[in-house]
Amino acid sequence: MGKEAFAYCNNLTTVSINEGLEELSEGIFRGCDVLEEVNFPNSLIKIGQQAFYARDIKTAYLSPNV
């Protein structure tokens, strides 16, 4: 997924990222101000700068690989 692919999606509240994805690009979910929950796969090893630059994230499920 490219840089800022989902930036400023104002209705996005939950994200579940599929297994196999290893990296989230810079600013991918920037400005998603109502995003509350993110589920990361075990395959994820890198999160780009300001990927989740948002205010309301309440829950994030991370793999120890990140």
PDB file of N, CA and C in Angstrom:
ATOM      1  N   MET A   1       0.842  -1.178   0.000  1.00  0.00           N
ATOM      2  CA  MET A   1       0.000   0.000   0.000  1.00  0.00           C
ATOM      3  C   MET A   1       0.882   1.234   0.000  1.00  0.00           C
ATOM      4  N   GLY A   2       0.514   2.205  -0.773  1.00  0.00           N
ATOM      5  CA  GLY A   2       1.337   3.388  -0.947  1.00  0.00           C
ATOM      6  C   GLY A   2       1.213   4.421   0.156  1.00  0.00           C
ATOM      7  N   LYS A   3       2.130   5.366   0.106  1.00  0.00           N
ATOM      8  CA  LYS A   3       2.183   6.469   1.069  1.00  0.00           C
ATOM      9  C   LYS A   3       0.833   7.188   1.100  1.00  0.00           C
ATOM     10  N   GLU A   4       0.298   7.376   2.306  1.00  0.00           N
ATOM     11  CA  GLU A   4      -0.962   8.087   2.554  1.00  0.00           C
ATOM     12  C   GLU A   4      -2.163   7.480   1.823  1.00  0.00           C
ATOM     13  N   ALA A   5      -2.139   6.171   1.597  1.00  0.00           N
ATOM     14  CA  ALA A   5      -3.199   5.495   0.838  1.00  0.00           C
ATOM     15  C   ALA A   5      -4.592   5.703   1.431  1.00  0.00           C
ATOM     16  N   PHE A   6      -4.701   5.741   2.756  1.00  0.00           N
ATOM     17  CA  PHE A   6      -5.991   5.910   3.407  1.00  0.00           C
ATOM     18  C   PHE A   6      -6.049   7.203   4.222  1.00  0.00           C
ATOM     19  N   ALA A   7      -5.164   8.114   3.959  1.00  0.00           N
ATOM     20  CA  ALA A   7      -5.100   9.360   4.724  1.00  0.00           C
ATOM     21  C   ALA A   7      -6.426  10.118   4.650  1.00  0.00           C
ATOM     22  N   TYR A   8      -6.830  10.619   5.786  1.00  0.00           N
ATOM     23  CA  TYR A   8      -8.022  11.461   5.942  1.00  0.00           C
ATOM     24  C   TYR A   8      -9.324  10.753   5.571  1.00  0.00           C
ATOM     25  N   CYS A   9      -9.381   9.424   5.751  1.00  0.00           N
ATOM     26  CA  CYS A   9     -10.645   8.686   5.601  1.00  0.00           C
ATOM     27  C   CYS A   9     -11.438   8.915   6.879  1.00  0.00           C
ATOM     28  N   ASN A  10     -12.324   9.846   6.855  1.00  0.00           N
ATOM     29  CA  ASN A  10     -13.003  10.319   8.057  1.00  0.00           C
ATOM     30  C   ASN A  10     -14.018   9.358   8.654  1.00  0.00           C
ATOM     31  N   ASN A  11     -14.376   8.276   7.953  1.00  0.00           N
ATOM     32  CA  ASN A  11     -15.339   7.313   8.483  1.00  0.00           C
ATOM     33  C   ASN A  11     -14.683   6.010   8.924  1.00  0.00           C
ATOM     34  N   LEU A  12     -13.383   5.919   8.832  1.00  0.00           N
ATOM     35  CA  LEU A  12     -12.658   4.696   9.165  1.00  0.00           C
ATOM     36  C   LEU A  12     -12.504   4.580  10.683  1.00  0.00           C
ATOM     37  N   THR A  13     -13.102   3.535  11.280  1.00  0.00           N
ATOM     38  CA  THR A  13     -13.039   3.372  12.736  1.00  0.00           C
ATOM     39  C   THR A  13     -12.201   2.168  13.165  1.00  0.00           C
ATOM     40  N   THR A  14     -12.138   1.125  12.331  1.00  0.00           N
ATOM     41  CA  THR A  14     -11.397  -0.092  12.664  1.00  0.00           C
ATOM     42  C   THR A  14     -10.600  -0.552  11.450  1.00  0.00           C
ATOM     43  N   VAL A  15      -9.363  -0.992  11.693  1.00  0.00           N
ATOM     44  CA  VAL A  15      -8.508  -1.506  10.628  1.00  0.00           C
ATOM     45  C   VAL A  15      -7.976  -2.866  11.044  1.00  0.00           C
ATOM     46  N   SER A  16      -8.133  -3.859  10.170  1.00  0.00           N
ATOM     47  CA  SER A  16      -7.531  -5.179  10.353  1.00  0.00           C
ATOM     48  C   SER A  16      -6.645  -5.432   9.141  1.00  0.00           C
ATOM     49  N   ILE A  17      -5.359  -5.532   9.384  1.00  0.00           N
ATOM     50  CA  ILE A  17      -4.396  -5.675   8.304  1.00  0.00           C
ATOM     51  C   ILE A  17      -4.117  -7.159   8.087  1.00  0.00           C
ATOM     52  N   ASN A  18      -4.161  -7.577   6.833  1.00  0.00           N
ATOM     53  CA  ASN A  18      -3.994  -8.981   6.494  1.00  0.00           C
ATOM     54  C   ASN A  18      -2.594  -9.503   6.775  1.00  0.00           C
ATOM     55  N   GLU A  19      -2.533 -10.768   7.157  1.00  0.00           N
ATOM     56  CA  GLU A  19      -1.273 -11.472   7.351  1.00  0.00           C
ATOM     57  C   GLU A  19      -0.509 -11.480   6.021  1.00  0.00           C
ATOM     58  N   GLY A  20       0.778 -11.326   6.103  1.00  0.00           N
ATOM     59  CA  GLY A  20       1.622 -11.291   4.911  1.00  0.00           C
ATOM     60  C   GLY A  20       2.184  -9.904   4.649  1.00  0.00           C
ATOM     61  N   LEU A  21       1.465  -8.872   5.088  1.00  0.00           N
ATOM     62  CA  LEU A  21       1.969  -7.506   4.906  1.00  0.00           C
ATOM     63  C   LEU A  21       3.097  -7.262   5.893  1.00  0.00           C
ATOM     64  N   GLU A  22       4.241  -6.788   5.389  1.00  0.00           N
ATOM     65  CA  GLU A  22       5.415  -6.593   6.232  1.00  0.00           C
ATOM     66  C   GLU A  22       5.666  -5.138   6.611  1.00  0.00           C
ATOM     67  N   GLU A  23       5.120  -4.201   5.849  1.00  0.00           N
ATOM     68  CA  GLU A  23       5.410  -2.795   6.119  1.00  0.00           C
ATOM     69  C   GLU A  23       4.202  -1.913   5.821  1.00  0.00           C
ATOM     70  N   LEU A  24       3.974  -0.940   6.703  1.00  0.00           N
ATOM     71  CA  LEU A  24       2.968   0.096   6.460  1.00  0.00           C
ATOM     72  C   LEU A  24       3.713   1.359   6.063  1.00  0.00           C
ATOM     73  N   SER A  25       3.312   1.961   4.975  1.00  0.00           N
ATOM     74  CA  SER A  25       4.023   3.130   4.488  1.00  0.00           C
ATOM     75  C   SER A  25       3.732   4.389   5.296  1.00  0.00           C
ATOM     76  N   GLU A  26       4.554   5.368   5.069  1.00  0.00           N
ATOM     77  CA  GLU A  26       4.483   6.652   5.767  1.00  0.00           C
ATOM     78  C   GLU A  26       3.106   7.288   5.572  1.00  0.00           C
ATOM     79  N   GLY A  27       2.497   7.701   6.683  1.00  0.00           N
ATOM     80  CA  GLY A  27       1.238   8.448   6.637  1.00  0.00           C
ATOM     81  C   GLY A  27       0.039   7.678   6.118  1.00  0.00           C
ATOM     82  N   ILE A  28       0.103   6.356   6.077  1.00  0.00           N
ATOM     83  CA  ILE A  28      -0.961   5.568   5.452  1.00  0.00           C
ATOM     84  C   ILE A  28      -2.345   5.842   6.046  1.00  0.00           C
ATOM     85  N   PHE A  29      -2.426   6.054   7.344  1.00  0.00           N
ATOM     86  CA  PHE A  29      -3.706   6.356   7.999  1.00  0.00           C
ATOM     87  C   PHE A  29      -3.682   7.737   8.670  1.00  0.00           C
ATOM     88  N   ARG A  30      -2.852   8.614   8.201  1.00  0.00           N
ATOM     89  CA  ARG A  30      -2.748   9.965   8.762  1.00  0.00           C
ATOM     90  C   ARG A  30      -4.087  10.691   8.666  1.00  0.00           C
ATOM     91  N   GLY A  31      -4.452  11.356   9.732  1.00  0.00           N
ATOM     92  CA  GLY A  31      -5.659  12.182   9.723  1.00  0.00           C
ATOM     93  C   GLY A  31      -6.951  11.409   9.812  1.00  0.00           C
ATOM     94  N   CYS A  32      -6.895  10.111  10.069  1.00  0.00           N
ATOM     95  CA  CYS A  32      -8.111   9.310  10.262  1.00  0.00           C
ATOM     96  C   CYS A  32      -8.541   9.505  11.715  1.00  0.00           C
ATOM     97  N   ASP A  33      -9.149  10.619  11.977  1.00  0.00           N
ATOM     98  CA  ASP A  33      -9.393  11.067  13.348  1.00  0.00           C
ATOM     99  C   ASP A  33     -10.386  10.234  14.146  1.00  0.00           C
ATOM    100  N   VAL A  34     -11.191   9.405  13.503  1.00  0.00           N
ATOM    101  CA  VAL A  34     -12.123   8.565  14.257  1.00  0.00           C
ATOM    102  C   VAL A  34     -11.646   7.112  14.338  1.00  0.00           C
ATOM    103  N   LEU A  35     -10.457   6.827  13.849  1.00  0.00           N
ATOM    104  CA  LEU A  35      -9.885   5.486  13.932  1.00  0.00           C
ATOM    105  C   LEU A  35      -9.644   5.125  15.393  1.00  0.00           C
ATOM    106  N   GLU A  36     -10.270   4.040  15.855  1.00  0.00           N
ATOM    107  CA  GLU A  36     -10.198   3.653  17.259  1.00  0.00           C
ATOM    108  C   GLU A  36      -9.464   2.345  17.508  1.00  0.00           C
ATOM    109  N   GLU A  37      -9.466   1.421  16.537  1.00  0.00           N
ATOM    110  CA  GLU A  37      -8.883   0.097  16.766  1.00  0.00           C
ATOM    111  C   GLU A  37      -8.094  -0.355  15.551  1.00  0.00           C
ATOM    112  N   VAL A  38      -6.889  -0.903  15.809  1.00  0.00           N
ATOM    113  CA  VAL A  38      -6.039  -1.397  14.736  1.00  0.00           C
ATOM    114  C   VAL A  38      -5.536  -2.784  15.113  1.00  0.00           C
ATOM    115  N   ASN A  39      -5.679  -3.734  14.198  1.00  0.00           N
ATOM    116  CA  ASN A  39      -5.194  -5.099  14.383  1.00  0.00           C
ATOM    117  C   ASN A  39      -4.052  -5.348  13.399  1.00  0.00           C
ATOM    118  N   PHE A  40      -2.862  -5.557  13.927  1.00  0.00           N
ATOM    119  CA  PHE A  40      -1.685  -5.777  13.094  1.00  0.00           C
ATOM    120  C   PHE A  40      -1.409  -7.267  12.944  1.00  0.00           C
ATOM    121  N   PRO A  41      -0.940  -7.710  11.766  1.00  0.00           N
ATOM    122  CA  PRO A  41      -0.609  -9.122  11.581  1.00  0.00           C
ATOM    123  C   PRO A  41       0.762  -9.452  12.169  1.00  0.00           C
ATOM    124  N   ASN A  42       1.012 -10.719  12.391  1.00  0.00           N
ATOM    125  CA  ASN A  42       2.315 -11.156  12.883  1.00  0.00           C
ATOM    126  C   ASN A  42       3.430 -10.884  11.879  1.00  0.00           C
ATOM    127  N   SER A  43       3.091 -10.791  10.611  1.00  0.00           N
ATOM    128  CA  SER A  43       4.099 -10.576   9.564  1.00  0.00           C
ATOM    129  C   SER A  43       4.643  -9.147   9.536  1.00  0.00           C
ATOM    130  N   LEU A  44       3.958  -8.193  10.173  1.00  0.00           N
ATOM    131  CA  LEU A  44       4.367  -6.791  10.134  1.00  0.00           C
ATOM    132  C   LEU A  44       5.668  -6.579  10.898  1.00  0.00           C
ATOM    133  N   ILE A  45       6.646  -5.942  10.234  1.00  0.00           N
ATOM    134  CA  ILE A  45       7.930  -5.685  10.889  1.00  0.00           C
ATOM    135  C   ILE A  45       8.299  -4.201  10.905  1.00  0.00           C
ATOM    136  N   LYS A  46       7.585  -3.383  10.117  1.00  0.00           N
ATOM    137  CA  LYS A  46       7.940  -1.962  10.079  1.00  0.00           C
ATOM    138  C   LYS A  46       6.687  -1.103   9.885  1.00  0.00           C
ATOM    139  N   ILE A  47       6.632  -0.008  10.654  1.00  0.00           N
ATOM    140  CA  ILE A  47       5.562   0.981  10.515  1.00  0.00           C
ATOM    141  C   ILE A  47       6.214   2.305  10.170  1.00  0.00           C
ATOM    142  N   GLY A  48       5.821   2.892   9.035  1.00  0.00           N
ATOM    143  CA  GLY A  48       6.397   4.151   8.572  1.00  0.00           C
ATOM    144  C   GLY A  48       6.041   5.329   9.460  1.00  0.00           C
ATOM    145  N   GLN A  49       6.795   6.401   9.304  1.00  0.00           N
ATOM    146  CA  GLN A  49       6.579   7.615  10.099  1.00  0.00           C
ATOM    147  C   GLN A  49       5.157   8.134   9.926  1.00  0.00           C
ATOM    148  N   GLN A  50       4.580   8.566  11.019  1.00  0.00           N
ATOM    149  CA  GLN A  50       3.242   9.157  11.066  1.00  0.00           C
ATOM    150  C   GLN A  50       2.186   8.305  10.372  1.00  0.00           C
ATOM    151  N   ALA A  51       2.398   6.984  10.365  1.00  0.00           N
ATOM    152  CA  ALA A  51       1.425   6.088   9.736  1.00  0.00           C
ATOM    153  C   ALA A  51       0.049   6.224  10.377  1.00  0.00           C
ATOM    154  N   PHE A  52       0.035   6.446  11.691  1.00  0.00           N
ATOM    155  CA  PHE A  52      -1.225   6.567  12.434  1.00  0.00           C
ATOM    156  C   PHE A  52      -1.281   7.893  13.162  1.00  0.00           C
ATOM    157  N   TYR A  53      -0.981   8.955  12.473  1.00  0.00           N
ATOM    158  CA  TYR A  53      -1.019  10.279  13.077  1.00  0.00           C
ATOM    159  C   TYR A  53      -2.484  10.675  13.222  1.00  0.00           C
ATOM    160  N   ALA A  54      -3.086  10.203  14.323  1.00  0.00           N
ATOM    161  CA  ALA A  54      -4.498  10.450  14.620  1.00  0.00           C
ATOM    162  C   ALA A  54      -4.653  10.551  16.126  1.00  0.00           C
ATOM    163  N   ARG A  55      -5.751  11.104  16.580  1.00  0.00           N
ATOM    164  CA  ARG A  55      -5.914  11.385  18.004  1.00  0.00           C
ATOM    165  C   ARG A  55      -6.635  10.305  18.790  1.00  0.00           C
ATOM    166  N   ASP A  56      -7.518   9.529  18.197  1.00  0.00           N
ATOM    167  CA  ASP A  56      -8.464   8.729  18.959  1.00  0.00           C
ATOM    168  C   ASP A  56      -8.199   7.229  19.013  1.00  0.00           C
ATOM    169  N   ILE A  57      -7.040   6.748  18.611  1.00  0.00           N
ATOM    170  CA  ILE A  57      -6.792   5.310  18.657  1.00  0.00           C
ATOM    171  C   ILE A  57      -6.792   4.853  20.112  1.00  0.00           C
ATOM    172  N   LYS A  58      -7.680   3.922  20.404  1.00  0.00           N
ATOM    173  CA  LYS A  58      -7.835   3.423  21.770  1.00  0.00           C
ATOM    174  C   LYS A  58      -7.209   2.050  21.954  1.00  0.00           C
ATOM    175  N   THR A  59      -7.207   1.220  20.892  1.00  0.00           N
ATOM    176  CA  THR A  59      -6.718  -0.139  21.006  1.00  0.00           C
ATOM    177  C   THR A  59      -5.861  -0.495  19.791  1.00  0.00           C
ATOM    178  N   ALA A  60      -4.700  -1.069  20.041  1.00  0.00           N
ATOM    179  CA  ALA A  60      -3.832  -1.554  18.966  1.00  0.00           C
ATOM    180  C   ALA A  60      -3.286  -2.907  19.381  1.00  0.00           C
ATOM    181  N   TYR A  61      -3.465  -3.894  18.511  1.00  0.00           N
ATOM    182  CA  TYR A  61      -2.967  -5.237  18.756  1.00  0.00           C
ATOM    183  C   TYR A  61      -1.713  -5.420  17.923  1.00  0.00           C
ATOM    184  N   LEU A  62      -0.558  -5.467  18.585  1.00  0.00           N
ATOM    185  CA  LEU A  62       0.738  -5.543  17.911  1.00  0.00           C
ATOM    186  C   LEU A  62       1.370  -6.903  18.071  1.00  0.00           C
ATOM    187  N   SER A  63       2.096  -7.282  17.047  1.00  0.00           N
ATOM    188  CA  SER A  63       2.929  -8.483  17.104  1.00  0.00           C
ATOM    189  C   SER A  63       4.259  -8.126  17.755  1.00  0.00           C
ATOM    190  N   PRO A  64       4.918  -9.044  18.403  1.00  0.00           N
ATOM    191  CA  PRO A  64       6.234  -8.744  18.959  1.00  0.00           C
ATOM    192  C   PRO A  64       7.285  -8.471  17.892  1.00  0.00           C
ATOM    193  N   ASN A  65       6.962  -8.727  16.616  1.00  0.00           N
ATOM    194  CA  ASN A  65       7.896  -8.499  15.515  1.00  0.00           C
ATOM    195  C   ASN A  65       8.066  -7.021  15.168  1.00  0.00           C
ATOM    196  N   VAL A  66       7.089  -6.209  15.518  1.00  0.00           N
ATOM    197  CA  VAL A  66       7.104  -4.800  15.112  1.00  0.00           C
ATOM    198  C   VAL A  66       8.148  -4.038  15.929  1.00  0.00           C
TER     199      VAL A  66
END
